[in-house]
Amino acid sequence: MKYILSLLLLLLFTTPLKAQSLSAEAAADIEKSRVVINDKRNTALAFNMSFSEEESAAFWPLYEKYRDAMSQVGSRKLSVIIDYANHYEEMTQDKAADILRRYMIYEEQALKVKQHYIKKFMEILPATKVTRLFQIENRMDAAISLKLAEGIPLME
């Protein structure tokens, strides 16, 4: 379980901390990791997007709202992973079904947030830049998901 919780640090940059079964030390580590990873995400975007002054002025406040929205949705994924870790050794059919149901809710909500913000980004940026933005976002999210998947054991 401790290994799984340490991997959560990679996920939690997108997740607000709530009263979950995490120690104060783990919560502090997660908060530090969120700041570092968000900074890396912003740096990658700034480096790869080449905004005009006008685009930049419109983009960054909207992007912050997008990341906040994804953070809210990400709390569902965190909750599912923590629940899985807490029940891994005594997994029941009902708990497995509940975890799967909740994970799919997270996936649906994440897609809805992305669709909503794609429309908003298209109002301020050309389609090529919006596509590039989501390519970068998807690469970063995929890298984090891969690290999580490597550390979360398959259900028995």
N, C-alpha and C. Protein backbone atom coordinates (compact mmCIF):
# COMPACT_ATOMS: atom_id res chain seq x y z
N MET A 1 0.83 -1.19 0.00
CA MET A 1 0.00 0.00 0.00
C MET A 1 0.87 1.25 0.00
N LYS A 2 1.99 1.23 0.76
CA LYS A 2 2.84 2.41 0.82
C LYS A 2 3.39 2.74 -0.56
N TYR A 3 3.74 1.71 -1.34
CA TYR A 3 4.25 1.93 -2.69
C TYR A 3 3.19 2.59 -3.57
N ILE A 4 1.97 2.09 -3.46
CA ILE A 4 0.88 2.68 -4.25
C ILE A 4 0.68 4.13 -3.85
N LEU A 5 0.71 4.42 -2.57
CA LEU A 5 0.52 5.80 -2.12
C LEU A 5 1.63 6.71 -2.61
N SER A 6 2.86 6.18 -2.66
CA SER A 6 3.95 7.02 -3.18
C SER A 6 3.74 7.33 -4.66
N LEU A 7 3.17 6.39 -5.41
CA LEU A 7 2.87 6.64 -6.82
C LEU A 7 1.75 7.66 -7.00
N LEU A 8 0.92 7.77 -6.00
CA LEU A 8 -0.16 8.76 -6.08
C LEU A 8 0.39 10.17 -6.17
N LEU A 9 1.61 10.37 -5.69
CA LEU A 9 2.21 11.70 -5.79
C LEU A 9 2.24 12.18 -7.24
N LEU A 10 2.40 11.26 -8.17
CA LEU A 10 2.41 11.62 -9.57
C LEU A 10 1.04 12.07 -10.06
N LEU A 11 0.01 11.48 -9.52
CA LEU A 11 -1.35 11.81 -9.93
C LEU A 11 -1.86 13.07 -9.26
N LEU A 12 -1.45 13.29 -8.05
CA LEU A 12 -2.14 14.27 -7.23
C LEU A 12 -1.86 15.72 -7.56
N PHE A 13 -0.96 15.96 -8.50
CA PHE A 13 -0.79 17.35 -8.91
C PHE A 13 -2.06 17.89 -9.52
N THR A 14 -2.94 16.98 -9.94
CA THR A 14 -4.19 17.42 -10.55
C THR A 14 -5.35 17.32 -9.57
N THR A 15 -5.07 16.99 -8.35
CA THR A 15 -6.14 16.66 -7.44
C THR A 15 -6.09 17.51 -6.18
N PRO A 16 -7.18 18.17 -5.84
CA PRO A 16 -7.21 18.90 -4.58
C PRO A 16 -7.22 17.92 -3.42
N LEU A 17 -6.55 18.30 -2.36
CA LEU A 17 -6.50 17.43 -1.20
C LEU A 17 -7.78 17.56 -0.40
N LYS A 18 -8.35 16.42 -0.08
CA LYS A 18 -9.56 16.37 0.73
C LYS A 18 -9.31 15.41 1.87
N ALA A 19 -10.27 15.27 2.71
CA ALA A 19 -10.14 14.36 3.84
C ALA A 19 -10.21 12.93 3.31
N GLN A 20 -9.06 12.38 3.00
CA GLN A 20 -8.97 11.02 2.52
C GLN A 20 -8.00 10.30 3.43
N SER A 21 -7.84 9.01 3.23
CA SER A 21 -7.00 8.25 4.14
C SER A 21 -5.53 8.43 3.80
N LEU A 22 -5.04 9.66 3.95
CA LEU A 22 -3.64 9.98 3.75
C LEU A 22 -3.12 10.66 5.01
N SER A 23 -1.86 10.38 5.34
CA SER A 23 -1.26 11.03 6.50
C SER A 23 -0.97 12.49 6.18
N ALA A 24 -0.73 13.28 7.21
CA ALA A 24 -0.39 14.69 7.01
C ALA A 24 0.91 14.81 6.22
N GLU A 25 1.85 13.92 6.48
CA GLU A 25 3.13 13.93 5.76
C GLU A 25 2.91 13.63 4.27
N ALA A 26 2.07 12.63 3.99
CA ALA A 26 1.78 12.30 2.59
C ALA A 26 1.07 13.46 1.91
N ALA A 27 0.15 14.10 2.62
CA ALA A 27 -0.57 15.25 2.05
C ALA A 27 0.39 16.38 1.72
N ALA A 28 1.36 16.63 2.59
CA ALA A 28 2.36 17.68 2.34
C ALA A 28 3.22 17.33 1.14
N ASP A 29 3.63 16.08 1.04
CA ASP A 29 4.42 15.63 -0.12
C ASP A 29 3.64 15.76 -1.41
N ILE A 30 2.37 15.43 -1.34
CA ILE A 30 1.52 15.53 -2.52
C ILE A 30 1.40 16.98 -2.96
N GLU A 31 1.20 17.87 -2.01
CA GLU A 31 1.06 19.29 -2.36
C GLU A 31 2.34 19.82 -3.01
N LYS A 32 3.50 19.43 -2.49
CA LYS A 32 4.77 19.84 -3.10
C LYS A 32 4.90 19.29 -4.51
N SER A 33 4.52 18.04 -4.70
CA SER A 33 4.60 17.41 -6.01
C SER A 33 3.66 18.09 -7.00
N ARG A 34 2.49 18.45 -6.55
CA ARG A 34 1.53 19.15 -7.43
C ARG A 34 2.14 20.44 -7.96
N VAL A 35 2.78 21.20 -7.09
CA VAL A 35 3.38 22.47 -7.49
C VAL A 35 4.48 22.23 -8.52
N VAL A 36 5.35 21.28 -8.27
CA VAL A 36 6.46 20.99 -9.18
C VAL A 36 5.94 20.52 -10.54
N ILE A 37 4.99 19.61 -10.55
CA ILE A 37 4.50 19.07 -11.81
C ILE A 37 3.70 20.12 -12.57
N ASN A 38 2.93 20.93 -11.88
CA ASN A 38 2.21 22.01 -12.56
C ASN A 38 3.18 23.00 -13.19
N ASP A 39 4.26 23.29 -12.49
CA ASP A 39 5.28 24.18 -13.06
C ASP A 39 5.88 23.57 -14.33
N LYS A 40 6.16 22.27 -14.30
CA LYS A 40 6.70 21.59 -15.49
C LYS A 40 5.69 21.61 -16.63
N ARG A 41 4.43 21.42 -16.31
CA ARG A 41 3.39 21.44 -17.32
C ARG A 41 3.32 22.83 -17.97
N ASN A 42 3.34 23.87 -17.16
CA ASN A 42 3.30 25.25 -17.67
C ASN A 42 4.52 25.56 -18.51
N THR A 43 5.69 25.11 -18.08
CA THR A 43 6.93 25.34 -18.82
C THR A 43 6.87 24.64 -20.18
N ALA A 44 6.40 23.40 -20.19
CA ALA A 44 6.29 22.65 -21.45
C ALA A 44 5.35 23.36 -22.42
N LEU A 45 4.25 23.87 -21.89
CA LEU A 45 3.31 24.58 -22.76
C LEU A 45 3.92 25.88 -23.28
N ALA A 46 4.54 26.64 -22.41
CA ALA A 46 5.14 27.91 -22.83
C ALA A 46 6.20 27.68 -23.91
N PHE A 47 6.97 26.62 -23.76
CA PHE A 47 8.04 26.31 -24.70
C PHE A 47 7.49 25.84 -26.05
N ASN A 48 6.41 25.08 -26.01
CA ASN A 48 5.90 24.44 -27.23
C ASN A 48 4.76 25.16 -27.94
N MET A 49 4.20 26.18 -27.32
CA MET A 49 3.00 26.78 -27.91
C MET A 49 3.26 28.05 -28.71
N SER A 50 4.29 28.79 -28.47
CA SER A 50 4.61 30.03 -29.19
C SER A 50 3.39 30.93 -29.41
N PHE A 51 2.90 31.48 -28.31
CA PHE A 51 1.75 32.37 -28.34
C PHE A 51 2.14 33.78 -28.75
N SER A 52 1.22 34.45 -29.42
CA SER A 52 1.36 35.89 -29.60
C SER A 52 1.02 36.54 -28.25
N GLU A 53 1.29 37.82 -28.11
CA GLU A 53 0.96 38.50 -26.85
C GLU A 53 -0.53 38.42 -26.57
N GLU A 54 -1.33 38.64 -27.59
CA GLU A 54 -2.79 38.60 -27.43
C GLU A 54 -3.25 37.19 -27.04
N GLU A 55 -2.72 36.17 -27.72
CA GLU A 55 -3.08 34.79 -27.39
C GLU A 55 -2.67 34.43 -25.97
N SER A 56 -1.47 34.82 -25.59
CA SER A 56 -0.98 34.53 -24.27
C SER A 56 -1.85 35.15 -23.18
N ALA A 57 -2.24 36.40 -23.40
CA ALA A 57 -3.07 37.11 -22.42
C ALA A 57 -4.42 36.41 -22.24
N ALA A 58 -4.96 35.85 -23.31
CA ALA A 58 -6.24 35.16 -23.22
C ALA A 58 -6.08 33.71 -22.75
N PHE A 59 -4.95 33.08 -23.14
CA PHE A 59 -4.77 31.66 -22.87
C PHE A 59 -4.55 31.33 -21.40
N TRP A 60 -3.60 31.97 -20.76
CA TRP A 60 -3.18 31.54 -19.43
C TRP A 60 -4.28 31.59 -18.38
N PRO A 61 -5.12 32.62 -18.33
CA PRO A 61 -6.23 32.57 -17.36
C PRO A 61 -7.21 31.44 -17.66
N LEU A 62 -7.49 31.21 -18.93
CA LEU A 62 -8.40 30.11 -19.30
C LEU A 62 -7.76 28.76 -18.98
N TYR A 63 -6.48 28.64 -19.26
CA TYR A 63 -5.78 27.37 -18.96
C TYR A 63 -5.81 27.09 -17.46
N GLU A 64 -5.65 28.11 -16.65
CA GLU A 64 -5.71 27.92 -15.20
C GLU A 64 -7.09 27.39 -14.79
N LYS A 65 -8.14 27.92 -15.40
CA LYS A 65 -9.49 27.44 -15.10
C LYS A 65 -9.64 25.98 -15.56
N TYR A 66 -9.07 25.66 -16.71
CA TYR A 66 -9.12 24.29 -17.21
C TYR A 66 -8.42 23.34 -16.25
N ARG A 67 -7.22 23.71 -15.81
CA ARG A 67 -6.49 22.84 -14.88
C ARG A 67 -7.23 22.71 -13.55
N ASP A 68 -7.87 23.78 -13.09
CA ASP A 68 -8.67 23.69 -11.87
C ASP A 68 -9.83 22.72 -12.05
N ALA A 69 -10.48 22.79 -13.20
CA ALA A 69 -11.60 21.88 -13.47
C ALA A 69 -11.11 20.43 -13.54
N MET A 70 -9.97 20.21 -14.19
CA MET A 70 -9.42 18.86 -14.25
C MET A 70 -8.99 18.37 -12.88
N SER A 71 -8.55 19.30 -12.05
CA SER A 71 -8.17 18.96 -10.68
C SER A 71 -9.38 18.46 -9.90
N GLN A 72 -10.49 19.14 -10.07
CA GLN A 72 -11.71 18.72 -9.38
C GLN A 72 -12.13 17.32 -9.83
N VAL A 73 -12.07 17.07 -11.12
CA VAL A 73 -12.42 15.75 -11.65
C VAL A 73 -11.40 14.72 -11.18
N GLY A 74 -10.13 15.10 -11.14
CA GLY A 74 -9.07 14.19 -10.73
C GLY A 74 -9.24 13.66 -9.32
N SER A 75 -9.97 14.37 -8.49
CA SER A 75 -10.20 13.89 -7.12
C SER A 75 -10.97 12.57 -7.14
N ARG A 76 -11.79 12.34 -8.15
CA ARG A 76 -12.50 11.06 -8.28
C ARG A 76 -11.51 9.92 -8.53
N LYS A 77 -10.55 10.16 -9.42
CA LYS A 77 -9.56 9.12 -9.72
C LYS A 77 -8.73 8.81 -8.48
N LEU A 78 -8.33 9.84 -7.77
CA LEU A 78 -7.57 9.64 -6.54
C LEU A 78 -8.37 8.80 -5.55
N SER A 79 -9.63 9.13 -5.38
CA SER A 79 -10.49 8.40 -4.46
C SER A 79 -10.57 6.92 -4.84
N VAL A 80 -10.69 6.64 -6.13
CA VAL A 80 -10.77 5.26 -6.61
C VAL A 80 -9.46 4.52 -6.32
N ILE A 81 -8.34 5.16 -6.58
CA ILE A 81 -7.05 4.51 -6.36
C ILE A 81 -6.82 4.24 -4.88
N ILE A 82 -7.14 5.19 -4.04
CA ILE A 82 -6.99 5.00 -2.60
C ILE A 82 -7.89 3.87 -2.11
N ASP A 83 -9.13 3.86 -2.59
CA ASP A 83 -10.07 2.80 -2.21
C ASP A 83 -9.55 1.44 -2.65
N TYR A 84 -9.02 1.37 -3.87
CA TYR A 84 -8.45 0.12 -4.38
C TYR A 84 -7.29 -0.33 -3.49
N ALA A 85 -6.40 0.60 -3.16
CA ALA A 85 -5.25 0.25 -2.31
C ALA A 85 -5.70 -0.23 -0.94
N ASN A 86 -6.72 0.41 -0.40
CA ASN A 86 -7.21 0.03 0.93
C ASN A 86 -7.92 -1.32 0.94
N HIS A 87 -8.44 -1.76 -0.20
CA HIS A 87 -9.20 -3.01 -0.25
C HIS A 87 -8.53 -4.09 -1.11
N TYR A 88 -7.35 -3.83 -1.59
CA TYR A 88 -6.69 -4.74 -2.51
C TYR A 88 -6.59 -6.17 -1.97
N GLU A 89 -6.21 -6.30 -0.72
CA GLU A 89 -5.98 -7.65 -0.18
C GLU A 89 -7.27 -8.37 0.17
N GLU A 90 -8.36 -7.66 0.38
CA GLU A 90 -9.65 -8.30 0.67
C GLU A 90 -10.71 -7.83 -0.32
N MET A 91 -10.39 -7.86 -1.60
CA MET A 91 -11.31 -7.37 -2.62
C MET A 91 -12.51 -8.30 -2.75
N THR A 92 -13.70 -7.70 -2.74
CA THR A 92 -14.93 -8.45 -2.96
C THR A 92 -15.45 -8.12 -4.36
N GLN A 93 -16.40 -8.91 -4.83
CA GLN A 93 -17.03 -8.65 -6.12
C GLN A 93 -17.76 -7.30 -6.11
N ASP A 94 -18.44 -7.02 -5.01
CA ASP A 94 -19.17 -5.76 -4.91
C ASP A 94 -18.22 -4.56 -4.91
N LYS A 95 -17.12 -4.67 -4.17
CA LYS A 95 -16.15 -3.56 -4.12
C LYS A 95 -15.50 -3.38 -5.49
N ALA A 96 -15.16 -4.46 -6.17
CA ALA A 96 -14.57 -4.37 -7.50
C ALA A 96 -15.53 -3.67 -8.47
N ALA A 97 -16.81 -4.04 -8.42
CA ALA A 97 -17.81 -3.41 -9.28
C ALA A 97 -17.94 -1.92 -8.96
N ASP A 98 -17.90 -1.58 -7.68
CA ASP A 98 -18.00 -0.17 -7.26
C ASP A 98 -16.79 0.63 -7.75
N ILE A 99 -15.61 0.05 -7.63
CA ILE A 99 -14.39 0.73 -8.10
C ILE A 99 -14.47 0.97 -9.60
N LEU A 100 -14.88 -0.03 -10.35
CA LEU A 100 -15.00 0.12 -11.80
C LEU A 100 -16.04 1.18 -12.16
N ARG A 101 -17.18 1.16 -11.50
CA ARG A 101 -18.24 2.14 -11.76
C ARG A 101 -17.74 3.55 -11.49
N ARG A 102 -17.04 3.75 -10.39
CA ARG A 102 -16.53 5.08 -10.03
C ARG A 102 -15.42 5.53 -10.97
N TYR A 103 -14.59 4.60 -11.42
CA TYR A 103 -13.55 4.95 -12.38
C TYR A 103 -14.17 5.42 -13.69
N MET A 104 -15.21 4.76 -14.14
CA MET A 104 -15.87 5.16 -15.38
C MET A 104 -16.53 6.53 -15.25
N ILE A 105 -17.04 6.85 -14.07
CA ILE A 105 -17.59 8.19 -13.83
C ILE A 105 -16.47 9.23 -13.97
N TYR A 106 -15.31 8.92 -13.40
CA TYR A 106 -14.16 9.82 -13.55
C TYR A 106 -13.83 10.03 -15.03
N GLU A 107 -13.75 8.94 -15.80
CA GLU A 107 -13.42 9.04 -17.22
C GLU A 107 -14.43 9.90 -17.98
N GLU A 108 -15.71 9.70 -17.71
CA GLU A 108 -16.76 10.49 -18.36
C GLU A 108 -16.64 11.96 -18.02
N GLN A 109 -16.41 12.25 -16.75
CA GLN A 109 -16.30 13.65 -16.33
C GLN A 109 -15.06 14.32 -16.91
N ALA A 110 -13.95 13.60 -16.95
CA ALA A 110 -12.73 14.16 -17.54
C ALA A 110 -12.97 14.49 -19.01
N LEU A 111 -13.63 13.61 -19.74
CA LEU A 111 -13.92 13.86 -21.15
C LEU A 111 -14.83 15.09 -21.31
N LYS A 112 -15.83 15.22 -20.46
CA LYS A 112 -16.73 16.37 -20.54
C LYS A 112 -15.99 17.69 -20.29
N VAL A 113 -15.08 17.69 -19.31
CA VAL A 113 -14.30 18.90 -19.04
C VAL A 113 -13.45 19.24 -20.26
N LYS A 114 -12.78 18.25 -20.83
CA LYS A 114 -11.94 18.50 -22.01
C LYS A 114 -12.78 19.03 -23.16
N GLN A 115 -13.92 18.43 -23.41
CA GLN A 115 -14.78 18.89 -24.51
C GLN A 115 -15.24 20.33 -24.27
N HIS A 116 -15.60 20.64 -23.05
CA HIS A 116 -16.04 22.00 -22.71
C HIS A 116 -14.93 23.02 -22.96
N TYR A 117 -13.72 22.69 -22.52
CA TYR A 117 -12.62 23.64 -22.66
C TYR A 117 -12.04 23.69 -24.06
N ILE A 118 -12.15 22.62 -24.82
CA ILE A 118 -11.72 22.69 -26.22
C ILE A 118 -12.52 23.78 -26.93
N LYS A 119 -13.81 23.83 -26.69
CA LYS A 119 -14.64 24.87 -27.30
C LYS A 119 -14.15 26.26 -26.89
N LYS A 120 -13.84 26.43 -25.62
CA LYS A 120 -13.37 27.73 -25.13
C LYS A 120 -12.01 28.10 -25.70
N PHE A 121 -11.10 27.11 -25.77
CA PHE A 121 -9.78 27.38 -26.35
C PHE A 121 -9.89 27.73 -27.83
N MET A 122 -10.83 27.10 -28.53
CA MET A 122 -11.03 27.38 -29.96
C MET A 122 -11.50 28.81 -30.20
N GLU A 123 -12.08 29.44 -29.19
CA GLU A 123 -12.53 30.83 -29.33
C GLU A 123 -11.36 31.81 -29.28
N ILE A 124 -10.23 31.38 -28.71
CA ILE A 124 -9.10 32.31 -28.53
C ILE A 124 -7.84 31.89 -29.28
N LEU A 125 -7.81 30.64 -29.77
CA LEU A 125 -6.63 30.12 -30.45
C LEU A 125 -7.03 29.44 -31.75
N PRO A 126 -6.10 29.40 -32.72
CA PRO A 126 -6.37 28.62 -33.93
C PRO A 126 -6.42 27.12 -33.59
N ALA A 127 -7.13 26.39 -34.44
CA ALA A 127 -7.31 24.95 -34.21
C ALA A 127 -5.98 24.21 -34.09
N THR A 128 -4.97 24.63 -34.84
CA THR A 128 -3.67 23.94 -34.76
C THR A 128 -3.07 24.08 -33.37
N LYS A 129 -3.22 25.24 -32.77
CA LYS A 129 -2.66 25.43 -31.42
C LYS A 129 -3.48 24.70 -30.36
N VAL A 130 -4.78 24.63 -30.53
CA VAL A 130 -5.61 23.88 -29.58
C VAL A 130 -5.26 22.40 -29.67
N THR A 131 -5.07 21.93 -30.88
CA THR A 131 -4.67 20.53 -31.06
C THR A 131 -3.32 20.27 -30.41
N ARG A 132 -2.36 21.15 -30.64
CA ARG A 132 -1.04 21.01 -30.03
C ARG A 132 -1.15 21.03 -28.51
N LEU A 133 -1.96 21.93 -27.97
CA LEU A 133 -2.18 22.00 -26.52
C LEU A 133 -2.62 20.65 -25.98
N PHE A 134 -3.62 20.04 -26.62
CA PHE A 134 -4.13 18.78 -26.11
C PHE A 134 -3.19 17.61 -26.41
N GLN A 135 -2.35 17.73 -27.43
CA GLN A 135 -1.31 16.72 -27.62
C GLN A 135 -0.33 16.75 -26.45
N ILE A 136 0.06 17.93 -26.05
CA ILE A 136 0.99 18.08 -24.92
C ILE A 136 0.34 17.59 -23.64
N GLU A 137 -0.90 18.01 -23.41
CA GLU A 137 -1.64 17.56 -22.22
C GLU A 137 -1.74 16.03 -22.20
N ASN A 138 -2.10 15.44 -23.33
CA ASN A 138 -2.25 13.98 -23.39
C ASN A 138 -0.93 13.26 -23.15
N ARG A 139 0.16 13.79 -23.68
CA ARG A 139 1.47 13.16 -23.43
C ARG A 139 1.82 13.19 -21.95
N MET A 140 1.58 14.32 -21.32
CA MET A 140 1.91 14.43 -19.90
C MET A 140 1.01 13.52 -19.06
N ASP A 141 -0.27 13.50 -19.38
CA ASP A 141 -1.20 12.63 -18.66
C ASP A 141 -0.86 11.16 -18.88
N ALA A 142 -0.46 10.80 -20.10
CA ALA A 142 -0.12 9.41 -20.40
C ALA A 142 1.11 8.97 -19.61
N ALA A 143 2.10 9.86 -19.49
CA ALA A 143 3.30 9.52 -18.73
C ALA A 143 2.95 9.27 -17.26
N ILE A 144 2.09 10.10 -16.72
CA ILE A 144 1.68 9.93 -15.32
C ILE A 144 0.87 8.64 -15.17
N SER A 145 -0.05 8.39 -16.10
CA SER A 145 -0.85 7.17 -16.03
C SER A 145 0.02 5.92 -16.14
N LEU A 146 1.04 5.97 -16.99
CA LEU A 146 1.94 4.83 -17.12
C LEU A 146 2.67 4.55 -15.80
N LYS A 147 3.16 5.59 -15.17
CA LYS A 147 3.84 5.41 -13.88
C LYS A 147 2.89 4.82 -12.84
N LEU A 148 1.67 5.31 -12.81
CA LEU A 148 0.68 4.77 -11.88
C LEU A 148 0.40 3.30 -12.18
N ALA A 149 0.20 2.99 -13.45
CA ALA A 149 -0.12 1.62 -13.84
C ALA A 149 1.00 0.66 -13.47
N GLU A 150 2.24 1.11 -13.58
CA GLU A 150 3.38 0.26 -13.22
C GLU A 150 3.37 -0.10 -11.75
N GLY A 151 2.81 0.76 -10.92
CA GLY A 151 2.88 0.53 -9.48
C GLY A 151 1.61 -0.01 -8.85
N ILE A 152 0.55 -0.11 -9.63
CA ILE A 152 -0.70 -0.62 -9.08
C ILE A 152 -0.87 -2.06 -9.54
N PRO A 153 -0.88 -2.99 -8.60
CA PRO A 153 -0.99 -4.39 -9.00
C PRO A 153 -2.35 -4.71 -9.61
N LEU A 154 -2.35 -5.68 -10.52
CA LEU A 154 -3.61 -6.12 -11.13
C LEU A 154 -4.47 -6.80 -10.08
N MET A 155 -5.76 -6.64 -10.25
CA MET A 155 -6.70 -7.25 -9.33
C MET A 155 -6.65 -8.77 -9.49
N GLU A 156 -6.73 -9.46 -8.38
CA GLU A 156 -6.72 -10.94 -8.40
C GLU A 156 -8.06 -11.47 -8.79
